[in-house]
Amino acid sequence: MDKNLVLAKLKELKEKSKKRKFSQSIDLIINLKQLDIKKQENKIDLFIQIPNGKGKKVKICGLVDKELVKESKDNLDHTITREEFQSLNIKQIKKIAQEFDFFIAQANIMNDVAKFFGKTLGPKGKMPNPKAGCVAPIGTSLKPMKERLEKTIRIQTKNEAIIKAMVGKEAMDDNEIADNIMAAYNSLLSALPQEKNNIQSVLIKLTMGNPIRLE
């Protein structure tokens, strides 16, 4: 994918969009082909590092025991200790699930995390995932994990052969958005069995705008 093309399309996207009172999200939409995602081996589920973040604050909650309480409180946006798990009702857990983008869990209490939070976080795709770097062994520094998650996006297929991911905000510099788009696209490309032959079309879209095709 050519960066100059991406920059030109971003300019077109913004020029054609009606001005809003907020900075709209920019989504990357990739339609796939020749890929039966009903087969488990063909499902796409990647956590990708984009160089410039999404242009919005990423909120992270720690689910920890005493060994990582200080690390969590010093570095993350919110901390829930193992002792507090059973005091939370389902309404409170649902509110917490809605409020935070990622959850970091202490590795040796994952069974308890699954027991108390799994039914709520699981369907939302927010259970602490080792692939995303969200499971922390005792003694881990959480600051690097937080910094990495602030630039992490998840791209996955669900029930259709299509991927949609937020790659920036309208107010961001176009060069930063373009670099994010290319990083996401290239990471996906390398994960596809037939690489470019599995891509039908690539589009970008503002929250309240019409999509524009990149390729």
C-alpha atoms as a PDB file:
ATOM      1  CA  MET A   1       0.000   0.000   0.000  1.00  0.00           C
ATOM      2  CA  ASP A   2       1.357   3.374  -1.028  1.00  0.00           C
ATOM      3  CA  LYS A   3       1.462   6.013   1.718  1.00  0.00           C
ATOM      4  CA  ASN A   4       0.909   8.878  -0.732  1.00  0.00           C
ATOM      5  CA  LEU A   5      -2.324   7.214  -1.854  1.00  0.00           C
ATOM      6  CA  VAL A   6      -3.436   6.825   1.759  1.00  0.00           C
ATOM      7  CA  LEU A   7      -2.694  10.506   2.436  1.00  0.00           C
ATOM      8  CA  ALA A   8      -4.642  11.581  -0.638  1.00  0.00           C
ATOM      9  CA  LYS A   9      -7.627   9.464   0.383  1.00  0.00           C
ATOM     10  CA  LEU A  10      -7.537  10.791   3.940  1.00  0.00           C
ATOM     11  CA  LYS A  11      -7.621  14.327   2.576  1.00  0.00           C
ATOM     12  CA  GLU A  12     -10.584  13.413   0.361  1.00  0.00           C
ATOM     13  CA  LEU A  13     -12.353  11.727   3.271  1.00  0.00           C
ATOM     14  CA  LYS A  14     -12.069  14.817   5.457  1.00  0.00           C
ATOM     15  CA  GLU A  15     -13.002  17.237   2.670  1.00  0.00           C
ATOM     16  CA  LYS A  16     -16.179  15.311   1.856  1.00  0.00           C
ATOM     17  CA  SER A  17     -17.235  14.953   5.470  1.00  0.00           C
ATOM     18  CA  LYS A  18     -19.658  17.358   7.082  1.00  0.00           C
ATOM     19  CA  LYS A  19     -17.977  19.157   9.977  1.00  0.00           C
ATOM     20  CA  ARG A  20     -19.074  17.887  13.352  1.00  0.00           C
ATOM     21  CA  LYS A  21     -18.723  19.291  16.847  1.00  0.00           C
ATOM     22  CA  PHE A  22     -16.461  16.414  17.804  1.00  0.00           C
ATOM     23  CA  SER A  23     -13.434  14.640  16.378  1.00  0.00           C
ATOM     24  CA  GLN A  24     -14.809  11.632  14.541  1.00  0.00           C
ATOM     25  CA  SER A  25     -13.140   8.239  14.656  1.00  0.00           C
ATOM     26  CA  ILE A  26     -11.453   6.924  11.537  1.00  0.00           C
ATOM     27  CA  ASP A  27     -12.104   3.254  10.869  1.00  0.00           C
ATOM     28  CA  LEU A  28     -10.193   0.912   8.610  1.00  0.00           C
ATOM     29  CA  ILE A  29     -12.496  -1.596   6.920  1.00  0.00           C
ATOM     30  CA  ILE A  30     -11.051  -4.599   5.105  1.00  0.00           C
ATOM     31  CA  ASN A  31     -13.267  -7.036   3.201  1.00  0.00           C
ATOM     32  CA  LEU A  32     -11.729 -10.473   2.815  1.00  0.00           C
ATOM     33  CA  LYS A  33     -12.226 -13.123   0.150  1.00  0.00           C
ATOM     34  CA  GLN A  34     -11.401 -16.796  -0.485  1.00  0.00           C
ATOM     35  CA  LEU A  35     -11.339 -17.344   3.267  1.00  0.00           C
ATOM     36  CA  ASP A  36     -13.860 -19.567   5.026  1.00  0.00           C
ATOM     37  CA  ILE A  37     -13.960 -17.975   8.461  1.00  0.00           C
ATOM     38  CA  LYS A  38     -16.341 -20.655   9.707  1.00  0.00           C
ATOM     39  CA  LYS A  39     -13.235 -22.802   9.980  1.00  0.00           C
ATOM     40  CA  GLN A  40     -11.345 -22.055  13.198  1.00  0.00           C
ATOM     41  CA  GLU A  41      -7.963 -22.046  11.465  1.00  0.00           C
ATOM     42  CA  ASN A  42      -9.092 -19.235   9.156  1.00  0.00           C
ATOM     43  CA  LYS A  43     -10.393 -16.905  11.858  1.00  0.00           C
ATOM     44  CA  ILE A  44      -8.385 -13.705  12.283  1.00  0.00           C
ATOM     45  CA  ASP A  45      -7.729 -12.404  15.787  1.00  0.00           C
ATOM     46  CA  LEU A  46      -4.686 -10.155  16.098  1.00  0.00           C
ATOM     47  CA  PHE A  47      -3.503  -7.552  18.574  1.00  0.00           C
ATOM     48  CA  ILE A  48      -1.535  -5.029  16.542  1.00  0.00           C
ATOM     49  CA  GLN A  49       0.740  -2.203  17.561  1.00  0.00           C
ATOM     50  CA  ILE A  50       0.023   1.025  15.695  1.00  0.00           C
ATOM     51  CA  PRO A  51       2.769   3.663  15.940  1.00  0.00           C
ATOM     52  CA  ASN A  52       0.674   6.666  16.937  1.00  0.00           C
ATOM     53  CA  GLY A  53      -2.173   5.309  19.026  1.00  0.00           C
ATOM     54  CA  LYS A  54      -5.857   5.876  18.290  1.00  0.00           C
ATOM     55  CA  GLY A  55      -5.997   9.530  19.310  1.00  0.00           C
ATOM     56  CA  LYS A  56      -8.075   8.807  22.399  1.00  0.00           C
ATOM     57  CA  LYS A  57      -7.216   7.892  25.955  1.00  0.00           C
ATOM     58  CA  VAL A  58      -7.047   4.165  26.527  1.00  0.00           C
ATOM     59  CA  LYS A  59      -8.398   3.249  29.956  1.00  0.00           C
ATOM     60  CA  ILE A  60      -6.901   0.197  31.656  1.00  0.00           C
ATOM     61  CA  CYS A  61      -8.068  -1.610  34.781  1.00  0.00           C
ATOM     62  CA  GLY A  62      -5.911  -3.938  36.853  1.00  0.00           C
ATOM     63  CA  LEU A  63      -7.332  -7.140  38.363  1.00  0.00           C
ATOM     64  CA  VAL A  64      -4.631  -8.061  40.845  1.00  0.00           C
ATOM     65  CA  ASP A  65      -3.679  -9.632  44.130  1.00  0.00           C
ATOM     66  CA  LYS A  66      -1.462  -8.103  46.815  1.00  0.00           C
ATOM     67  CA  GLU A  67       1.781  -8.670  44.896  1.00  0.00           C
ATOM     68  CA  LEU A  68       0.811  -6.244  42.102  1.00  0.00           C
ATOM     69  CA  VAL A  69      -1.516  -3.817  43.895  1.00  0.00           C
ATOM     70  CA  LYS A  70       1.081  -1.046  44.163  1.00  0.00           C
ATOM     71  CA  GLU A  71       2.207  -1.506  40.542  1.00  0.00           C
ATOM     72  CA  SER A  72      -1.395  -1.352  39.377  1.00  0.00           C
ATOM     73  CA  LYS A  73      -2.344   1.699  41.444  1.00  0.00           C
ATOM     74  CA  ASP A  74       0.822   3.523  40.358  1.00  0.00           C
ATOM     75  CA  ASN A  75       0.377   2.868  36.642  1.00  0.00           C
ATOM     76  CA  LEU A  76      -3.172   1.950  35.676  1.00  0.00           C
ATOM     77  CA  ASP A  77      -6.412   3.917  35.672  1.00  0.00           C
ATOM     78  CA  HIS A  78      -8.203   1.715  38.165  1.00  0.00           C
ATOM     79  CA  THR A  79      -7.412  -1.271  40.356  1.00  0.00           C
ATOM     80  CA  ILE A  80      -9.656  -4.034  41.666  1.00  0.00           C
ATOM     81  CA  THR A  81      -8.027  -6.388  44.156  1.00  0.00           C
ATOM     82  CA  ARG A  82      -8.769 -10.076  44.457  1.00  0.00           C
ATOM     83  CA  GLU A  83     -10.377  -9.428  47.854  1.00  0.00           C
ATOM     84  CA  GLU A  84     -12.862  -7.062  46.200  1.00  0.00           C
ATOM     85  CA  PHE A  85     -13.984  -9.450  43.443  1.00  0.00           C
ATOM     86  CA  GLN A  86     -16.782 -11.126  45.373  1.00  0.00           C
ATOM     87  CA  SER A  87     -18.194  -7.821  46.654  1.00  0.00           C
ATOM     88  CA  LEU A  88     -19.070  -6.669  43.120  1.00  0.00           C
ATOM     89  CA  ASN A  89     -22.530  -7.359  41.785  1.00  0.00           C
ATOM     90  CA  ILE A  90     -23.317  -8.001  38.127  1.00  0.00           C
ATOM     91  CA  LYS A  91     -24.506  -4.423  37.544  1.00  0.00           C
ATOM     92  CA  GLN A  92     -21.206  -3.039  38.862  1.00  0.00           C
ATOM     93  CA  ILE A  93     -19.189  -5.480  36.762  1.00  0.00           C
ATOM     94  CA  LYS A  94     -21.113  -4.505  33.626  1.00  0.00           C
ATOM     95  CA  LYS A  95     -20.407  -0.839  34.327  1.00  0.00           C
ATOM     96  CA  ILE A  96     -16.699  -1.571  34.808  1.00  0.00           C
ATOM     97  CA  ALA A  97     -16.632  -3.602  31.580  1.00  0.00           C
ATOM     98  CA  GLN A  98     -18.118  -0.662  29.709  1.00  0.00           C
ATOM     99  CA  GLU A  99     -15.744   1.896  31.220  1.00  0.00           C
ATOM    100  CA  PHE A 100     -12.379   0.276  30.453  1.00  0.00           C
ATOM    101  CA  ASP A 101     -10.746  -0.670  27.151  1.00  0.00           C
ATOM    102  CA  PHE A 102      -8.333  -3.284  28.515  1.00  0.00           C
ATOM    103  CA  PHE A 103      -8.008  -5.365  31.660  1.00  0.00           C
ATOM    104  CA  ILE A 104      -4.636  -6.529  32.960  1.00  0.00           C
ATOM    105  CA  ALA A 105      -4.812  -9.543  35.270  1.00  0.00           C
ATOM    106  CA  GLN A 106      -2.234 -11.011  37.612  1.00  0.00           C
ATOM    107  CA  ALA A 107      -1.337 -14.393  36.108  1.00  0.00           C
ATOM    108  CA  ASN A 108      -1.767 -16.584  39.195  1.00  0.00           C
ATOM    109  CA  ILE A 109      -5.340 -15.367  39.866  1.00  0.00           C
ATOM    110  CA  MET A 110      -6.686 -15.877  36.333  1.00  0.00           C
ATOM    111  CA  ASN A 111      -9.056 -18.598  37.578  1.00  0.00           C
ATOM    112  CA  ASP A 112     -10.677 -16.101  39.927  1.00  0.00           C
ATOM    113  CA  VAL A 113     -10.766 -13.445  37.210  1.00  0.00           C
ATOM    114  CA  ALA A 114     -12.558 -15.884  34.915  1.00  0.00           C
ATOM    115  CA  LYS A 115     -14.965 -16.908  37.689  1.00  0.00           C
ATOM    116  CA  PHE A 116     -16.066 -13.381  38.595  1.00  0.00           C
ATOM    117  CA  PHE A 117     -15.573 -11.442  35.361  1.00  0.00           C
ATOM    118  CA  GLY A 118     -15.593 -13.996  32.551  1.00  0.00           C
ATOM    119  CA  LYS A 119     -19.322 -13.973  31.759  1.00  0.00           C
ATOM    120  CA  THR A 120     -19.260 -10.190  31.341  1.00  0.00           C
ATOM    121  CA  LEU A 121     -15.828  -9.508  29.846  1.00  0.00           C
ATOM    122  CA  GLY A 122     -15.773 -12.570  27.582  1.00  0.00           C
ATOM    123  CA  PRO A 123     -18.621 -11.595  25.221  1.00  0.00           C
ATOM    124  CA  LYS A 124     -17.185  -8.071  24.979  1.00  0.00           C
ATOM    125  CA  GLY A 125     -13.766  -9.423  23.968  1.00  0.00           C
ATOM    126  CA  LYS A 126     -12.185  -7.817  27.023  1.00  0.00           C
ATOM    127  CA  MET A 127     -11.002 -10.801  29.050  1.00  0.00           C
ATOM    128  CA  PRO A 128      -7.276 -10.373  29.873  1.00  0.00           C
ATOM    129  CA  ASN A 129      -5.553 -11.982  26.916  1.00  0.00           C
ATOM    130  CA  PRO A 130      -1.936 -13.182  26.902  1.00  0.00           C
ATOM    131  CA  LYS A 131      -1.758 -12.416  23.159  1.00  0.00           C
ATOM    132  CA  ALA A 132      -2.393  -8.755  23.966  1.00  0.00           C
ATOM    133  CA  GLY A 133       0.098  -8.761  26.832  1.00  0.00           C
ATOM    134  CA  CYS A 134      -2.666  -8.450  29.422  1.00  0.00           C
ATOM    135  CA  VAL A 135      -1.595 -11.237  31.773  1.00  0.00           C
ATOM    136  CA  ALA A 136       1.100 -10.188  34.234  1.00  0.00           C
ATOM    137  CA  PRO A 137       3.294 -12.579  36.230  1.00  0.00           C
ATOM    138  CA  ILE A 138       4.228 -11.530  39.754  1.00  0.00           C
ATOM    139  CA  GLY A 139       7.146  -9.088  39.625  1.00  0.00           C
ATOM    140  CA  THR A 140       6.118  -7.591  36.289  1.00  0.00           C
ATOM    141  CA  SER A 141       6.419  -3.852  35.723  1.00  0.00           C
ATOM    142  CA  LEU A 142       3.023  -2.690  34.509  1.00  0.00           C
ATOM    143  CA  LYS A 143       4.164   0.621  33.038  1.00  0.00           C
ATOM    144  CA  PRO A 144       5.577  -0.916  29.803  1.00  0.00           C
ATOM    145  CA  MET A 145       2.429  -3.036  29.494  1.00  0.00           C
ATOM    146  CA  LYS A 146       0.282   0.074  29.778  1.00  0.00           C
ATOM    147  CA  GLU A 147       2.383   1.954  27.187  1.00  0.00           C
ATOM    148  CA  ARG A 148       2.100  -0.964  24.771  1.00  0.00           C
ATOM    149  CA  LEU A 149      -1.674  -1.258  25.223  1.00  0.00           C
ATOM    150  CA  GLU A 150      -2.102   2.457  24.559  1.00  0.00           C
ATOM    151  CA  LYS A 151      -0.969   1.709  20.994  1.00  0.00           C
ATOM    152  CA  THR A 152      -2.731  -1.630  20.581  1.00  0.00           C
ATOM    153  CA  ILE A 153      -5.734  -2.342  18.396  1.00  0.00           C
ATOM    154  CA  ARG A 154      -7.512  -5.647  17.878  1.00  0.00           C
ATOM    155  CA  ILE A 155      -8.439  -6.790  14.410  1.00  0.00           C
ATOM    156  CA  GLN A 156     -10.637  -9.840  14.143  1.00  0.00           C
ATOM    157  CA  THR A 157     -13.248 -11.575  12.063  1.00  0.00           C
ATOM    158  CA  LYS A 158     -16.492 -12.433  13.817  1.00  0.00           C
ATOM    159  CA  ASN A 159     -19.385 -13.793  11.787  1.00  0.00           C
ATOM    160  CA  GLU A 160     -18.354 -12.284   8.461  1.00  0.00           C
ATOM    161  CA  ALA A 161     -15.175 -12.080   6.399  1.00  0.00           C
ATOM    162  CA  ILE A 162     -14.713  -8.439   7.255  1.00  0.00           C
ATOM    163  CA  ILE A 163     -12.426  -6.531   9.601  1.00  0.00           C
ATOM    164  CA  LYS A 164     -13.188  -3.155  11.105  1.00  0.00           C
ATOM    165  CA  ALA A 165     -10.826  -1.307  13.436  1.00  0.00           C
ATOM    166  CA  MET A 166     -10.409   2.237  14.685  1.00  0.00           C
ATOM    167  CA  VAL A 167      -7.051   3.596  13.531  1.00  0.00           C
ATOM    168  CA  GLY A 168      -7.254   7.225  14.609  1.00  0.00           C
ATOM    169  CA  LYS A 169      -9.243  10.373  15.182  1.00  0.00           C
ATOM    170  CA  GLU A 170     -10.152  13.062  12.665  1.00  0.00           C
ATOM    171  CA  ALA A 171      -8.129  15.657  14.615  1.00  0.00           C
ATOM    172  CA  MET A 172      -4.891  13.674  14.320  1.00  0.00           C
ATOM    173  CA  ASP A 173      -2.204  14.552  11.800  1.00  0.00           C
ATOM    174  CA  ASP A 174      -2.792  12.768   8.482  1.00  0.00           C
ATOM    175  CA  ASN A 175       0.735  11.349   8.467  1.00  0.00           C
ATOM    176  CA  GLU A 176       0.135   9.711  11.840  1.00  0.00           C
ATOM    177  CA  ILE A 177      -3.175   8.233  10.692  1.00  0.00           C
ATOM    178  CA  ALA A 178      -1.595   6.990   7.448  1.00  0.00           C
ATOM    179  CA  ASP A 179       1.201   5.267   9.372  1.00  0.00           C
ATOM    180  CA  ASN A 180      -1.396   3.611  11.627  1.00  0.00           C
ATOM    181  CA  ILE A 181      -3.390   2.412   8.613  1.00  0.00           C
ATOM    182  CA  MET A 182      -0.328   0.956   6.939  1.00  0.00           C
ATOM    183  CA  ALA A 183       0.843  -0.765  10.132  1.00  0.00           C
ATOM    184  CA  ALA A 184      -2.561  -2.411  10.594  1.00  0.00           C
ATOM    185  CA  TYR A 185      -2.847  -3.364   6.930  1.00  0.00           C
ATOM    186  CA  ASN A 186       0.664  -4.863   6.740  1.00  0.00           C
ATOM    187  CA  SER A 187       0.202  -6.834   9.961  1.00  0.00           C
ATOM    188  CA  LEU A 188      -3.026  -8.317   8.656  1.00  0.00           C
ATOM    189  CA  LEU A 189      -1.472  -9.043   5.275  1.00  0.00           C
ATOM    190  CA  SER A 190       1.269 -11.165   6.819  1.00  0.00           C
ATOM    191  CA  ALA A 191      -1.323 -13.136   8.823  1.00  0.00           C
ATOM    192  CA  LEU A 192      -3.469 -14.088   5.831  1.00  0.00           C
ATOM    193  CA  PRO A 193      -2.712 -17.463   4.193  1.00  0.00           C
ATOM    194  CA  GLN A 194      -2.729 -15.998   0.673  1.00  0.00           C
ATOM    195  CA  GLU A 195      -1.790 -12.486   1.740  1.00  0.00           C
ATOM    196  CA  LYS A 196      -3.070  -9.928  -0.801  1.00  0.00           C
ATOM    197  CA  ASN A 197      -5.122 -12.553  -2.638  1.00  0.00           C
ATOM    198  CA  ASN A 198      -7.330 -12.778   0.456  1.00  0.00           C
ATOM    199  CA  ILE A 199      -8.160  -9.061   0.358  1.00  0.00           C
ATOM    200  CA  GLN A 200     -11.154  -7.958  -1.660  1.00  0.00           C
ATOM    201  CA  SER A 201     -11.222  -4.276  -0.757  1.00  0.00           C
ATOM    202  CA  VAL A 202      -9.812  -1.752   1.735  1.00  0.00           C
ATOM    203  CA  LEU A 203     -11.806   1.269   2.847  1.00  0.00           C
ATOM    204  CA  ILE A 204     -11.604   4.095   5.358  1.00  0.00           C
ATOM    205  CA  LYS A 205     -14.587   5.721   7.010  1.00  0.00           C
ATOM    206  CA  LEU A 206     -15.366   8.517   9.441  1.00  0.00           C
ATOM    207  CA  THR A 207     -17.907   7.809  12.187  1.00  0.00           C
ATOM    208  CA  MET A 208     -20.697   9.695  10.418  1.00  0.00           C
ATOM    209  CA  GLY A 209     -19.399   9.703   6.889  1.00  0.00           C
ATOM    210  CA  ASN A 210     -19.433   7.484   3.819  1.00  0.00           C
ATOM    211  CA  PRO A 211     -16.567   5.061   3.214  1.00  0.00           C
ATOM    212  CA  ILE A 212     -13.843   5.793   0.666  1.00  0.00           C
ATOM    213  CA  ARG A 213     -11.984   2.970  -1.035  1.00  0.00           C
ATOM    214  CA  LEU A 214      -8.207   2.726  -0.708  1.00  0.00           C
ATOM    215  CA  GLU A 215      -7.798  -0.316  -2.907  1.00  0.00           C
END
